[in-house]
Amino acid sequence: MLTVDWKPGDKCQALNPDTNQFNEAEVLCKGDGYLQIKYIDTGIIANILLSNVRKMKKRRWGEVTTTPTPVEVKKTAIDKRKKEKEENKTESKRQAEMEQAKELEKKNWL
């Protein structure tokens, strides 16, 4: 297993004991077998075992992946719902226009 020489200011992913998930964090200082880190999304400072800290995962093209905060997730969901509502409105408007065109065509044939 590769060991990482952590320094203050390094970005990492640390296991959050509350959620049992790895969250983005910043190293504050290094102790004997643990790191003092600050979770970026919540600002909570914690002492985490070195075995529960890992390097930031990178995508193929080199961008660092981040976990969206709950606020970002909620905003994305709201934006998605708004977009779906707008699409439904335009679709129902288009259907109404088609029905009107169909009625006009019927009148022309009668």
N, C-alpha and C. Protein backbone atom coordinates (compact mmCIF):
# COMPACT_ATOMS: atom_id res chain seq x y z
N MET A 1 0.84 -1.17 0.00
CA MET A 1 0.00 0.00 0.00
C MET A 1 0.89 1.24 0.00
N LEU A 2 0.53 2.20 -0.84
CA LEU A 2 1.30 3.43 -0.91
C LEU A 2 0.95 4.34 0.25
N THR A 3 1.96 4.93 0.82
CA THR A 3 1.70 5.90 1.88
C THR A 3 1.86 7.29 1.30
N VAL A 4 1.04 8.19 1.78
CA VAL A 4 1.08 9.56 1.29
C VAL A 4 1.68 10.43 2.37
N ASP A 5 2.58 11.31 1.97
CA ASP A 5 3.16 12.25 2.91
C ASP A 5 2.27 13.48 2.94
N TRP A 6 1.31 13.49 3.86
CA TRP A 6 0.34 14.58 3.95
C TRP A 6 0.97 15.82 4.55
N LYS A 7 0.63 16.97 3.96
CA LYS A 7 1.10 18.25 4.48
C LYS A 7 -0.11 19.16 4.71
N PRO A 8 -0.02 20.10 5.63
CA PRO A 8 -1.13 21.03 5.82
C PRO A 8 -1.49 21.75 4.51
N GLY A 9 -2.78 21.83 4.24
CA GLY A 9 -3.26 22.46 3.01
C GLY A 9 -3.57 21.48 1.90
N ASP A 10 -3.11 20.21 2.04
CA ASP A 10 -3.41 19.20 1.02
C ASP A 10 -4.90 18.91 1.00
N LYS A 11 -5.44 18.70 -0.20
CA LYS A 11 -6.84 18.29 -0.36
C LYS A 11 -6.90 16.77 -0.33
N CYS A 12 -7.94 16.25 0.29
CA CYS A 12 -8.08 14.80 0.39
C CYS A 12 -9.56 14.45 0.49
N GLN A 13 -9.83 13.17 0.57
CA GLN A 13 -11.16 12.68 0.89
C GLN A 13 -11.04 11.91 2.20
N ALA A 14 -11.84 12.30 3.18
CA ALA A 14 -11.77 11.67 4.49
C ALA A 14 -13.12 11.05 4.82
N LEU A 15 -13.06 9.91 5.49
CA LEU A 15 -14.28 9.22 5.89
C LEU A 15 -14.99 10.03 6.97
N ASN A 16 -16.23 10.37 6.69
CA ASN A 16 -17.03 11.12 7.66
C ASN A 16 -17.73 10.10 8.55
N PRO A 17 -17.44 10.10 9.84
CA PRO A 17 -18.03 9.09 10.72
C PRO A 17 -19.55 9.22 10.86
N ASP A 18 -20.10 10.41 10.62
CA ASP A 18 -21.54 10.60 10.72
C ASP A 18 -22.29 9.94 9.56
N THR A 19 -21.76 10.10 8.34
CA THR A 19 -22.44 9.58 7.15
C THR A 19 -21.82 8.30 6.62
N ASN A 20 -20.64 7.95 7.11
CA ASN A 20 -19.89 6.78 6.65
C ASN A 20 -19.58 6.86 5.15
N GLN A 21 -19.35 8.09 4.67
CA GLN A 21 -18.98 8.33 3.29
C GLN A 21 -17.73 9.20 3.25
N PHE A 22 -17.00 9.09 2.14
CA PHE A 22 -15.82 9.93 1.98
C PHE A 22 -16.25 11.30 1.48
N ASN A 23 -15.83 12.34 2.18
CA ASN A 23 -16.13 13.72 1.82
C ASN A 23 -14.84 14.48 1.58
N GLU A 24 -14.94 15.53 0.77
CA GLU A 24 -13.78 16.36 0.47
C GLU A 24 -13.34 17.09 1.73
N ALA A 25 -12.03 17.11 1.95
CA ALA A 25 -11.50 17.73 3.17
C ALA A 25 -10.13 18.35 2.88
N GLU A 26 -9.67 19.13 3.85
CA GLU A 26 -8.35 19.76 3.76
C GLU A 26 -7.56 19.38 5.00
N VAL A 27 -6.30 19.00 4.81
CA VAL A 27 -5.45 18.61 5.92
C VAL A 27 -5.02 19.86 6.69
N LEU A 28 -5.20 19.83 8.02
CA LEU A 28 -4.76 20.94 8.86
C LEU A 28 -3.41 20.63 9.48
N CYS A 29 -3.27 19.41 10.03
CA CYS A 29 -1.97 19.01 10.57
C CYS A 29 -1.92 17.48 10.66
N LYS A 30 -0.71 16.98 10.81
CA LYS A 30 -0.50 15.53 10.85
C LYS A 30 -0.05 15.12 12.24
N GLY A 31 -0.67 14.07 12.74
CA GLY A 31 -0.27 13.52 14.03
C GLY A 31 0.31 12.13 13.83
N ASP A 32 0.49 11.41 14.91
CA ASP A 32 1.05 10.06 14.85
C ASP A 32 -0.07 9.07 14.53
N GLY A 33 -0.23 8.74 13.24
CA GLY A 33 -1.25 7.78 12.82
C GLY A 33 -2.59 8.40 12.50
N TYR A 34 -2.68 9.70 12.56
CA TYR A 34 -3.95 10.35 12.22
C TYR A 34 -3.68 11.72 11.58
N LEU A 35 -4.71 12.28 10.98
CA LEU A 35 -4.65 13.63 10.42
C LEU A 35 -5.76 14.45 11.04
N GLN A 36 -5.46 15.71 11.29
CA GLN A 36 -6.52 16.63 11.67
C GLN A 36 -6.96 17.28 10.37
N ILE A 37 -8.24 17.11 10.04
CA ILE A 37 -8.75 17.61 8.78
C ILE A 37 -9.95 18.52 9.02
N LYS A 38 -10.25 19.29 7.99
CA LYS A 38 -11.45 20.14 8.02
C LYS A 38 -12.28 19.77 6.81
N TYR A 39 -13.53 19.31 7.05
CA TYR A 39 -14.43 18.98 5.96
C TYR A 39 -14.83 20.26 5.24
N ILE A 40 -14.65 20.29 3.93
CA ILE A 40 -14.88 21.50 3.16
C ILE A 40 -16.36 21.86 3.12
N ASP A 41 -17.24 20.87 2.98
CA ASP A 41 -18.66 21.19 2.84
C ASP A 41 -19.32 21.63 4.15
N THR A 42 -18.86 21.10 5.28
CA THR A 42 -19.50 21.43 6.56
C THR A 42 -18.64 22.32 7.45
N GLY A 43 -17.33 22.34 7.22
CA GLY A 43 -16.44 23.14 8.05
C GLY A 43 -16.07 22.47 9.36
N ILE A 44 -16.50 21.23 9.56
CA ILE A 44 -16.22 20.51 10.79
C ILE A 44 -14.76 20.06 10.80
N ILE A 45 -14.10 20.22 11.94
CA ILE A 45 -12.71 19.79 12.11
C ILE A 45 -12.73 18.48 12.89
N ALA A 46 -11.94 17.49 12.41
CA ALA A 46 -11.94 16.18 13.06
C ALA A 46 -10.56 15.55 12.95
N ASN A 47 -10.25 14.64 13.87
CA ASN A 47 -9.04 13.81 13.82
C ASN A 47 -9.44 12.47 13.21
N ILE A 48 -8.84 12.14 12.08
CA ILE A 48 -9.19 10.95 11.32
C ILE A 48 -7.96 10.07 11.18
N LEU A 49 -8.16 8.76 11.36
CA LEU A 49 -7.07 7.80 11.16
C LEU A 49 -6.55 7.88 9.73
N LEU A 50 -5.24 7.68 9.57
CA LEU A 50 -4.66 7.72 8.23
C LEU A 50 -5.30 6.70 7.29
N SER A 51 -5.76 5.59 7.85
CA SER A 51 -6.37 4.55 7.02
C SER A 51 -7.73 5.00 6.47
N ASN A 52 -8.30 6.06 7.03
CA ASN A 52 -9.60 6.56 6.58
C ASN A 52 -9.48 7.84 5.75
N VAL A 53 -8.28 8.09 5.23
CA VAL A 53 -8.04 9.26 4.39
C VAL A 53 -7.43 8.78 3.09
N ARG A 54 -7.90 9.36 1.99
CA ARG A 54 -7.36 8.97 0.68
C ARG A 54 -7.18 10.22 -0.19
N LYS A 55 -6.36 10.04 -1.24
CA LYS A 55 -6.13 11.13 -2.19
C LYS A 55 -7.44 11.44 -2.90
N MET A 56 -7.52 12.66 -3.42
CA MET A 56 -8.69 13.03 -4.22
C MET A 56 -8.70 12.16 -5.46
N LYS A 57 -9.88 11.64 -5.80
CA LYS A 57 -9.98 10.85 -7.03
C LYS A 57 -9.99 11.80 -8.21
N LYS A 58 -9.34 11.39 -9.28
CA LYS A 58 -9.28 12.23 -10.47
C LYS A 58 -10.02 11.52 -11.61
N ARG A 59 -10.61 12.34 -12.46
CA ARG A 59 -11.25 11.81 -13.65
C ARG A 59 -10.19 11.59 -14.70
N ARG A 60 -10.58 10.93 -15.77
CA ARG A 60 -9.62 10.63 -16.82
C ARG A 60 -8.94 11.87 -17.38
N TRP A 61 -9.66 12.97 -17.48
CA TRP A 61 -9.06 14.16 -18.08
C TRP A 61 -8.41 15.06 -17.05
N GLY A 62 -8.33 14.61 -15.80
CA GLY A 62 -7.54 15.32 -14.81
C GLY A 62 -8.30 16.22 -13.86
N GLU A 63 -9.62 16.36 -14.03
CA GLU A 63 -10.37 17.20 -13.11
C GLU A 63 -10.62 16.44 -11.81
N VAL A 64 -10.58 17.16 -10.73
CA VAL A 64 -10.85 16.55 -9.43
C VAL A 64 -12.35 16.41 -9.26
N THR A 65 -12.78 15.23 -8.84
CA THR A 65 -14.21 15.03 -8.61
C THR A 65 -14.57 15.56 -7.24
N THR A 66 -15.73 16.11 -7.13
CA THR A 66 -16.20 16.59 -5.84
C THR A 66 -17.61 16.09 -5.62
N THR A 67 -17.95 15.89 -4.40
CA THR A 67 -19.29 15.50 -4.04
C THR A 67 -20.11 16.77 -3.86
N PRO A 68 -21.26 16.85 -4.55
CA PRO A 68 -22.05 18.08 -4.39
C PRO A 68 -22.59 18.20 -2.97
N THR A 69 -22.67 19.43 -2.51
CA THR A 69 -23.23 19.67 -1.18
C THR A 69 -24.73 19.47 -1.24
N PRO A 70 -25.38 19.25 -0.10
CA PRO A 70 -26.84 19.09 -0.11
C PRO A 70 -27.56 20.29 -0.73
N VAL A 71 -27.03 21.48 -0.54
CA VAL A 71 -27.65 22.67 -1.12
C VAL A 71 -27.57 22.61 -2.65
N GLU A 72 -26.41 22.19 -3.17
CA GLU A 72 -26.25 22.07 -4.62
C GLU A 72 -27.16 21.00 -5.19
N VAL A 73 -27.32 19.88 -4.48
CA VAL A 73 -28.21 18.81 -4.93
C VAL A 73 -29.64 19.31 -4.99
N LYS A 74 -30.07 20.03 -3.96
CA LYS A 74 -31.43 20.56 -3.91
C LYS A 74 -31.65 21.57 -5.05
N LYS A 75 -30.68 22.47 -5.27
CA LYS A 75 -30.80 23.46 -6.32
C LYS A 75 -30.89 22.79 -7.69
N THR A 76 -30.09 21.76 -7.91
CA THR A 76 -30.11 21.04 -9.17
C THR A 76 -31.48 20.38 -9.38
N ALA A 77 -32.02 19.78 -8.33
CA ALA A 77 -33.33 19.14 -8.43
C ALA A 77 -34.42 20.16 -8.73
N ILE A 78 -34.36 21.32 -8.09
CA ILE A 78 -35.35 22.37 -8.34
C ILE A 78 -35.25 22.87 -9.78
N ASP A 79 -34.03 23.10 -10.24
CA ASP A 79 -33.83 23.54 -11.62
C ASP A 79 -34.36 22.52 -12.62
N LYS A 80 -34.12 21.24 -12.32
CA LYS A 80 -34.59 20.17 -13.20
C LYS A 80 -36.11 20.15 -13.26
N ARG A 81 -36.76 20.30 -12.08
CA ARG A 81 -38.23 20.33 -12.05
C ARG A 81 -38.78 21.51 -12.83
N LYS A 82 -38.15 22.69 -12.69
CA LYS A 82 -38.59 23.87 -13.43
C LYS A 82 -38.49 23.63 -14.93
N LYS A 83 -37.37 23.04 -15.36
CA LYS A 83 -37.17 22.77 -16.78
C LYS A 83 -38.22 21.79 -17.29
N GLU A 84 -38.51 20.74 -16.50
CA GLU A 84 -39.52 19.77 -16.91
C GLU A 84 -40.90 20.42 -17.01
N LYS A 85 -41.24 21.32 -16.08
CA LYS A 85 -42.52 22.02 -16.14
C LYS A 85 -42.61 22.86 -17.41
N GLU A 86 -41.52 23.58 -17.72
CA GLU A 86 -41.51 24.40 -18.93
C GLU A 86 -41.66 23.54 -20.17
N GLU A 87 -40.99 22.39 -20.20
CA GLU A 87 -41.11 21.48 -21.34
C GLU A 87 -42.53 20.96 -21.46
N ASN A 88 -43.15 20.63 -20.32
CA ASN A 88 -44.53 20.15 -20.35
C ASN A 88 -45.47 21.23 -20.85
N LYS A 89 -45.24 22.49 -20.44
CA LYS A 89 -46.07 23.59 -20.91
C LYS A 89 -45.94 23.74 -22.42
N THR A 90 -44.71 23.73 -22.92
CA THR A 90 -44.51 23.90 -24.36
C THR A 90 -45.10 22.72 -25.12
N GLU A 91 -45.01 21.52 -24.55
CA GLU A 91 -45.57 20.35 -25.21
C GLU A 91 -47.09 20.43 -25.25
N SER A 92 -47.72 20.83 -24.15
CA SER A 92 -49.17 20.94 -24.14
C SER A 92 -49.62 22.08 -25.04
N LYS A 93 -48.83 23.16 -25.12
CA LYS A 93 -49.14 24.26 -26.03
C LYS A 93 -49.07 23.78 -27.47
N ARG A 94 -48.06 23.00 -27.77
CA ARG A 94 -47.90 22.45 -29.13
C ARG A 94 -49.06 21.52 -29.47
N GLN A 95 -49.48 20.70 -28.51
CA GLN A 95 -50.61 19.80 -28.74
C GLN A 95 -51.89 20.59 -28.99
N ALA A 96 -52.09 21.68 -28.22
CA ALA A 96 -53.27 22.51 -28.42
C ALA A 96 -53.25 23.15 -29.81
N GLU A 97 -52.08 23.61 -30.25
CA GLU A 97 -51.97 24.19 -31.59
C GLU A 97 -52.27 23.16 -32.66
N MET A 98 -51.82 21.93 -32.45
CA MET A 98 -52.10 20.86 -33.42
C MET A 98 -53.59 20.56 -33.47
N GLU A 99 -54.24 20.55 -32.31
CA GLU A 99 -55.69 20.31 -32.26
C GLU A 99 -56.43 21.42 -33.00
N GLN A 100 -56.02 22.66 -32.80
CA GLN A 100 -56.65 23.78 -33.50
C GLN A 100 -56.47 23.66 -35.01
N ALA A 101 -55.27 23.30 -35.42
CA ALA A 101 -55.00 23.14 -36.84
C ALA A 101 -55.85 22.01 -37.42
N LYS A 102 -56.02 20.94 -36.65
CA LYS A 102 -56.84 19.81 -37.09
C LYS A 102 -58.30 20.24 -37.24
N GLU A 103 -58.80 21.04 -36.29
CA GLU A 103 -60.17 21.53 -36.35
C GLU A 103 -60.37 22.45 -37.56
N LEU A 104 -59.40 23.32 -37.83
CA LEU A 104 -59.49 24.20 -38.99
C LEU A 104 -59.51 23.40 -40.28
N GLU A 105 -58.70 22.37 -40.33
CA GLU A 105 -58.65 21.52 -41.51
C GLU A 105 -59.98 20.79 -41.71
N LYS A 106 -60.59 20.35 -40.61
CA LYS A 106 -61.90 19.69 -40.68
C LYS A 106 -62.93 20.64 -41.26
N LYS A 107 -62.94 21.90 -40.79
CA LYS A 107 -63.89 22.90 -41.26
C LYS A 107 -63.71 23.17 -42.75
N ASN A 108 -62.44 23.17 -43.22
CA ASN A 108 -62.18 23.40 -44.63
C ASN A 108 -62.73 22.28 -45.50
N TRP A 109 -62.73 21.07 -45.00
CA TRP A 109 -63.20 19.92 -45.75
C TRP A 109 -64.71 19.77 -45.70
N LEU A 110 -65.35 20.33 -44.69
CA LEU A 110 -66.80 20.18 -44.57
C LEU A 110 -67.55 21.18 -45.37
